Structure formats: C-alpha cells, structure tokens
Amino acid sequence: MPPTNRELRIHCKFLLNYPRFIEGPYAPYIFLILQSWFKKTPPPKRQDTGRGIADLVDWVIDTEKILASEACKKVADAFNMTFEAVKQNHIRYGKAKRDKSR
C-alpha cells in the first residue's frame, strides 16, 4: 500500500528539518525538490479523527498498562487537546465499546 500524503509530509518535514540525512551528489537538488513539494502539497484537512484518538488512547493503555484517565491525559497533552474531548472520543470509539457484544 502506498504511503498517504500525511505520511509523506511527515517524512518530508523531517528531512527538511534535518538535511544532513540527505546524502550524495544530488543532495542539494533533492532538498530543493522536497521543499517545493512540501510547499505545494496542502496539509490534510482533518489531522486526527475521533476514532484515531480513541485508538491511540487504547494503545497507550495497552503498552504502558495505565488507567484510561491517565492515558487520556497523556494523549490530551501530546495533541494539545482538552482532557474532556479525548475522554469523550474514547468513550464513543474506544476498544471497550467496540468489543461489547450486542
């Protein structure tokens, strides 16, 4: 599966911030091409969906073995969101809700 524009923009921005990772005789040209592409390609309209935030909270809970409220706080701090917004997304789309049998 080809990378999405969001992933390409992330890698492009990394290379633009750290150009020493671009090596070889064509490095200056590659840098200019990346700069031009980054400027022309608009950022995605919606960065993080509610489902994506909930999946991230579930991932933090699973990897760090912490409570849901602590994971929501960490994700809220990382994404500069309110705790209540992250908590609401996790309640709506979190793993516990999806795993329940109907």
N, C-alpha and C. Protein backbone atom coordinates (compact mmCIF):
# COMPACT_ATOMS: atom_id res chain seq x y z
N MET A 1 0.85 -1.16 0.00
CA MET A 1 0.00 0.00 0.00
C MET A 1 0.91 1.24 0.00
N PRO A 2 0.67 2.18 -0.90
CA PRO A 2 1.50 3.39 -0.96
C PRO A 2 1.25 4.29 0.25
N PRO A 3 2.26 5.06 0.62
CA PRO A 3 2.07 5.95 1.78
C PRO A 3 1.08 7.07 1.47
N THR A 4 0.42 7.53 2.50
CA THR A 4 -0.54 8.62 2.35
C THR A 4 0.20 9.95 2.29
N ASN A 5 -0.51 10.98 1.87
CA ASN A 5 0.10 12.31 1.83
C ASN A 5 0.53 12.76 3.22
N ARG A 6 -0.25 12.38 4.24
CA ARG A 6 0.11 12.75 5.61
C ARG A 6 1.47 12.15 5.99
N GLU A 7 1.66 10.86 5.67
CA GLU A 7 2.93 10.21 5.97
C GLU A 7 4.07 10.82 5.17
N LEU A 8 3.82 11.09 3.90
CA LEU A 8 4.85 11.71 3.07
C LEU A 8 5.23 13.09 3.60
N ARG A 9 4.25 13.87 4.04
CA ARG A 9 4.53 15.19 4.58
C ARG A 9 5.36 15.09 5.86
N ILE A 10 5.08 14.08 6.69
CA ILE A 10 5.84 13.90 7.93
C ILE A 10 7.30 13.62 7.62
N HIS A 11 7.55 12.70 6.69
CA HIS A 11 8.93 12.37 6.34
C HIS A 11 9.62 13.53 5.62
N CYS A 12 8.87 14.21 4.78
CA CYS A 12 9.44 15.35 4.07
C CYS A 12 9.84 16.45 5.06
N LYS A 13 8.97 16.73 6.01
CA LYS A 13 9.29 17.76 7.00
C LYS A 13 10.50 17.37 7.83
N PHE A 14 10.61 16.08 8.16
CA PHE A 14 11.78 15.62 8.91
C PHE A 14 13.06 15.86 8.11
N LEU A 15 13.03 15.51 6.83
CA LEU A 15 14.22 15.71 6.00
C LEU A 15 14.53 17.18 5.79
N LEU A 16 13.51 18.01 5.73
CA LEU A 16 13.76 19.45 5.59
C LEU A 16 14.34 20.03 6.88
N ASN A 17 13.94 19.49 8.02
CA ASN A 17 14.48 19.97 9.29
C ASN A 17 15.88 19.43 9.56
N TYR A 18 16.19 18.25 9.03
CA TYR A 18 17.50 17.63 9.23
C TYR A 18 18.10 17.25 7.87
N PRO A 19 18.57 18.23 7.11
CA PRO A 19 19.04 17.94 5.76
C PRO A 19 20.33 17.11 5.72
N ARG A 20 20.99 16.94 6.84
CA ARG A 20 22.22 16.14 6.83
C ARG A 20 21.94 14.66 6.52
N PHE A 21 20.67 14.24 6.64
CA PHE A 21 20.31 12.86 6.32
C PHE A 21 20.16 12.65 4.81
N ILE A 22 20.15 13.72 4.05
CA ILE A 22 20.11 13.61 2.59
C ILE A 22 21.56 13.61 2.12
N GLU A 23 22.01 12.49 1.59
CA GLU A 23 23.42 12.37 1.22
C GLU A 23 23.56 12.15 -0.27
N GLY A 24 24.77 12.33 -0.74
CA GLY A 24 25.08 12.06 -2.13
C GLY A 24 25.28 13.33 -2.93
N PRO A 25 25.68 13.15 -4.18
CA PRO A 25 25.97 14.32 -5.00
C PRO A 25 24.72 15.13 -5.37
N TYR A 26 23.55 14.50 -5.31
CA TYR A 26 22.32 15.20 -5.69
C TYR A 26 21.56 15.74 -4.48
N ALA A 27 22.19 15.77 -3.33
CA ALA A 27 21.53 16.20 -2.10
C ALA A 27 20.93 17.61 -2.21
N PRO A 28 21.64 18.59 -2.76
CA PRO A 28 21.04 19.93 -2.85
C PRO A 28 19.78 19.95 -3.73
N TYR A 29 19.80 19.18 -4.81
CA TYR A 29 18.64 19.13 -5.70
C TYR A 29 17.46 18.42 -5.02
N ILE A 30 17.76 17.34 -4.30
CA ILE A 30 16.71 16.62 -3.58
C ILE A 30 16.09 17.53 -2.53
N PHE A 31 16.93 18.29 -1.85
CA PHE A 31 16.42 19.22 -0.83
C PHE A 31 15.48 20.24 -1.46
N LEU A 32 15.86 20.79 -2.59
CA LEU A 32 15.00 21.78 -3.26
C LEU A 32 13.70 21.16 -3.76
N ILE A 33 13.76 19.93 -4.26
CA ILE A 33 12.55 19.24 -4.72
C ILE A 33 11.62 18.99 -3.54
N LEU A 34 12.18 18.54 -2.42
CA LEU A 34 11.36 18.30 -1.23
C LEU A 34 10.72 19.60 -0.74
N GLN A 35 11.50 20.66 -0.75
CA GLN A 35 10.99 21.96 -0.32
C GLN A 35 9.83 22.41 -1.20
N SER A 36 9.99 22.25 -2.51
CA SER A 36 8.94 22.64 -3.44
C SER A 36 7.69 21.77 -3.26
N TRP A 37 7.88 20.46 -3.12
CA TRP A 37 6.73 19.55 -2.95
C TRP A 37 5.99 19.86 -1.66
N PHE A 38 6.74 20.11 -0.59
CA PHE A 38 6.11 20.39 0.70
C PHE A 38 5.29 21.67 0.65
N LYS A 39 5.79 22.66 -0.09
CA LYS A 39 5.08 23.93 -0.21
C LYS A 39 3.82 23.77 -1.06
N LYS A 40 3.87 22.95 -2.10
CA LYS A 40 2.73 22.77 -2.99
C LYS A 40 1.65 21.86 -2.41
N THR A 41 2.03 20.90 -1.60
CA THR A 41 1.08 19.91 -1.09
C THR A 41 0.39 20.45 0.16
N PRO A 42 -0.92 20.64 0.11
CA PRO A 42 -1.61 21.17 1.30
C PRO A 42 -1.72 20.11 2.39
N PRO A 43 -1.72 20.55 3.62
CA PRO A 43 -1.89 19.58 4.71
C PRO A 43 -3.30 18.99 4.67
N PRO A 44 -3.48 17.78 5.17
CA PRO A 44 -4.81 17.19 5.20
C PRO A 44 -5.75 18.05 6.03
N LYS A 45 -7.00 18.07 5.66
CA LYS A 45 -7.95 18.95 6.34
C LYS A 45 -8.18 18.54 7.79
N ARG A 46 -8.28 17.27 8.02
CA ARG A 46 -8.54 16.81 9.38
C ARG A 46 -7.40 15.91 9.81
N GLN A 47 -6.66 16.36 10.79
CA GLN A 47 -5.48 15.60 11.21
C GLN A 47 -5.84 14.34 11.98
N ASP A 48 -6.67 14.49 12.98
CA ASP A 48 -6.94 13.37 13.87
C ASP A 48 -8.44 13.20 14.03
N THR A 49 -8.92 12.04 13.68
CA THR A 49 -10.34 11.76 13.84
C THR A 49 -10.59 11.26 15.25
N GLY A 50 -11.84 11.24 15.64
CA GLY A 50 -12.20 10.74 16.96
C GLY A 50 -11.80 9.29 17.14
N ARG A 51 -11.99 8.50 16.09
CA ARG A 51 -11.61 7.08 16.16
C ARG A 51 -10.10 6.93 16.30
N GLY A 52 -9.34 7.77 15.61
CA GLY A 52 -7.89 7.71 15.72
C GLY A 52 -7.40 8.07 17.11
N ILE A 53 -8.03 9.08 17.72
CA ILE A 53 -7.68 9.47 19.08
C ILE A 53 -8.00 8.33 20.05
N ALA A 54 -9.17 7.71 19.88
CA ALA A 54 -9.57 6.60 20.75
C ALA A 54 -8.62 5.42 20.59
N ASP A 55 -8.21 5.12 19.36
CA ASP A 55 -7.25 4.04 19.14
C ASP A 55 -5.92 4.34 19.81
N LEU A 56 -5.51 5.60 19.76
CA LEU A 56 -4.26 5.98 20.41
C LEU A 56 -4.35 5.84 21.93
N VAL A 57 -5.48 6.23 22.50
CA VAL A 57 -5.67 6.06 23.94
C VAL A 57 -5.63 4.57 24.30
N ASP A 58 -6.29 3.74 23.51
CA ASP A 58 -6.26 2.29 23.76
C ASP A 58 -4.84 1.75 23.66
N TRP A 59 -4.08 2.24 22.69
CA TRP A 59 -2.70 1.79 22.53
C TRP A 59 -1.86 2.18 23.74
N VAL A 60 -2.04 3.41 24.24
CA VAL A 60 -1.30 3.86 25.43
C VAL A 60 -1.67 3.00 26.64
N ILE A 61 -2.95 2.68 26.77
CA ILE A 61 -3.40 1.83 27.89
C ILE A 61 -2.73 0.46 27.80
N ASP A 62 -2.70 -0.11 26.59
CA ASP A 62 -2.13 -1.45 26.42
C ASP A 62 -0.62 -1.48 26.61
N THR A 63 0.08 -0.48 26.10
CA THR A 63 1.54 -0.51 26.17
C THR A 63 2.08 -0.10 27.53
N GLU A 64 1.47 0.91 28.15
CA GLU A 64 2.00 1.41 29.42
C GLU A 64 1.30 0.82 30.64
N LYS A 65 0.23 0.06 30.40
CA LYS A 65 -0.52 -0.59 31.49
C LYS A 65 -0.95 0.43 32.55
N ILE A 66 -1.63 1.50 32.09
CA ILE A 66 -2.11 2.54 32.99
C ILE A 66 -3.62 2.66 32.86
N LEU A 67 -4.21 3.43 33.74
CA LEU A 67 -5.66 3.64 33.70
C LEU A 67 -6.06 4.48 32.50
N ALA A 68 -7.32 4.36 32.11
CA ALA A 68 -7.82 5.10 30.95
C ALA A 68 -7.73 6.61 31.15
N SER A 69 -8.00 7.07 32.37
CA SER A 69 -7.96 8.51 32.62
C SER A 69 -6.54 9.06 32.46
N GLU A 70 -5.54 8.29 32.91
CA GLU A 70 -4.15 8.73 32.75
C GLU A 70 -3.75 8.73 31.28
N ALA A 71 -4.20 7.71 30.54
CA ALA A 71 -3.90 7.65 29.11
C ALA A 71 -4.56 8.81 28.37
N CYS A 72 -5.79 9.13 28.74
CA CYS A 72 -6.48 10.28 28.12
C CYS A 72 -5.72 11.57 28.39
N LYS A 73 -5.21 11.72 29.60
CA LYS A 73 -4.45 12.93 29.94
C LYS A 73 -3.17 13.02 29.12
N LYS A 74 -2.47 11.88 28.96
CA LYS A 74 -1.24 11.88 28.17
C LYS A 74 -1.51 12.24 26.71
N VAL A 75 -2.56 11.65 26.15
CA VAL A 75 -2.90 11.94 24.75
C VAL A 75 -3.35 13.39 24.60
N ALA A 76 -4.12 13.89 25.57
CA ALA A 76 -4.56 15.29 25.51
C ALA A 76 -3.36 16.23 25.56
N ASP A 77 -2.39 15.93 26.40
CA ASP A 77 -1.19 16.77 26.48
C ASP A 77 -0.38 16.70 25.18
N ALA A 78 -0.28 15.50 24.61
CA ALA A 78 0.52 15.33 23.40
C ALA A 78 -0.11 16.04 22.19
N PHE A 79 -1.43 16.02 22.11
CA PHE A 79 -2.11 16.61 20.96
C PHE A 79 -2.65 18.01 21.24
N ASN A 80 -2.35 18.53 22.41
CA ASN A 80 -2.78 19.87 22.80
C ASN A 80 -4.31 20.00 22.69
N MET A 81 -5.00 19.00 23.24
CA MET A 81 -6.45 18.97 23.27
C MET A 81 -6.91 19.01 24.72
N THR A 82 -8.20 19.22 24.91
CA THR A 82 -8.72 19.18 26.27
C THR A 82 -8.90 17.73 26.69
N PHE A 83 -8.79 17.51 27.98
CA PHE A 83 -8.96 16.17 28.54
C PHE A 83 -10.36 15.65 28.23
N GLU A 84 -11.35 16.52 28.34
CA GLU A 84 -12.74 16.10 28.12
C GLU A 84 -12.97 15.66 26.67
N ALA A 85 -12.35 16.32 25.72
CA ALA A 85 -12.52 15.94 24.31
C ALA A 85 -11.94 14.55 24.05
N VAL A 86 -10.76 14.30 24.59
CA VAL A 86 -10.13 13.00 24.42
C VAL A 86 -10.95 11.92 25.13
N LYS A 87 -11.41 12.22 26.33
CA LYS A 87 -12.21 11.26 27.08
C LYS A 87 -13.50 10.93 26.33
N GLN A 88 -14.15 11.95 25.76
CA GLN A 88 -15.39 11.74 25.02
C GLN A 88 -15.15 10.87 23.79
N ASN A 89 -14.05 11.12 23.08
CA ASN A 89 -13.71 10.28 21.92
C ASN A 89 -13.46 8.84 22.34
N HIS A 90 -12.80 8.67 23.48
CA HIS A 90 -12.51 7.32 23.94
C HIS A 90 -13.78 6.61 24.38
N ILE A 91 -14.69 7.33 24.99
CA ILE A 91 -15.97 6.72 25.39
C ILE A 91 -16.75 6.32 24.13
N ARG A 92 -16.74 7.18 23.14
CA ARG A 92 -17.53 6.93 21.94
C ARG A 92 -16.93 5.83 21.07
N TYR A 93 -15.60 5.85 20.86
CA TYR A 93 -14.98 4.95 19.90
C TYR A 93 -13.99 3.96 20.51
N GLY A 94 -13.82 3.97 21.82
CA GLY A 94 -12.78 3.15 22.45
C GLY A 94 -12.99 1.66 22.28
N LYS A 95 -11.95 0.92 22.59
CA LYS A 95 -11.95 -0.52 22.42
C LYS A 95 -13.02 -1.19 23.26
N ALA A 96 -13.25 -0.73 24.47
CA ALA A 96 -14.24 -1.34 25.35
C ALA A 96 -15.63 -1.30 24.71
N LYS A 97 -15.95 -0.21 24.06
CA LYS A 97 -17.27 -0.09 23.43
C LYS A 97 -17.36 -1.00 22.22
N ARG A 98 -16.29 -1.11 21.43
CA ARG A 98 -16.31 -1.92 20.23
C ARG A 98 -16.32 -3.40 20.54
N ASP A 99 -15.73 -3.82 21.67
CA ASP A 99 -15.63 -5.23 22.00
C ASP A 99 -16.89 -5.78 22.65
N LYS A 100 -17.80 -4.92 23.07
CA LYS A 100 -19.01 -5.40 23.72
C LYS A 100 -19.89 -6.15 22.73
N SER A 101 -20.48 -7.24 23.20
CA SER A 101 -21.41 -7.95 22.34
C SER A 101 -22.77 -7.27 22.44
N ARG A 102 -23.48 -7.24 21.38
CA ARG A 102 -24.77 -6.53 21.37
C ARG A 102 -25.89 -7.47 21.60
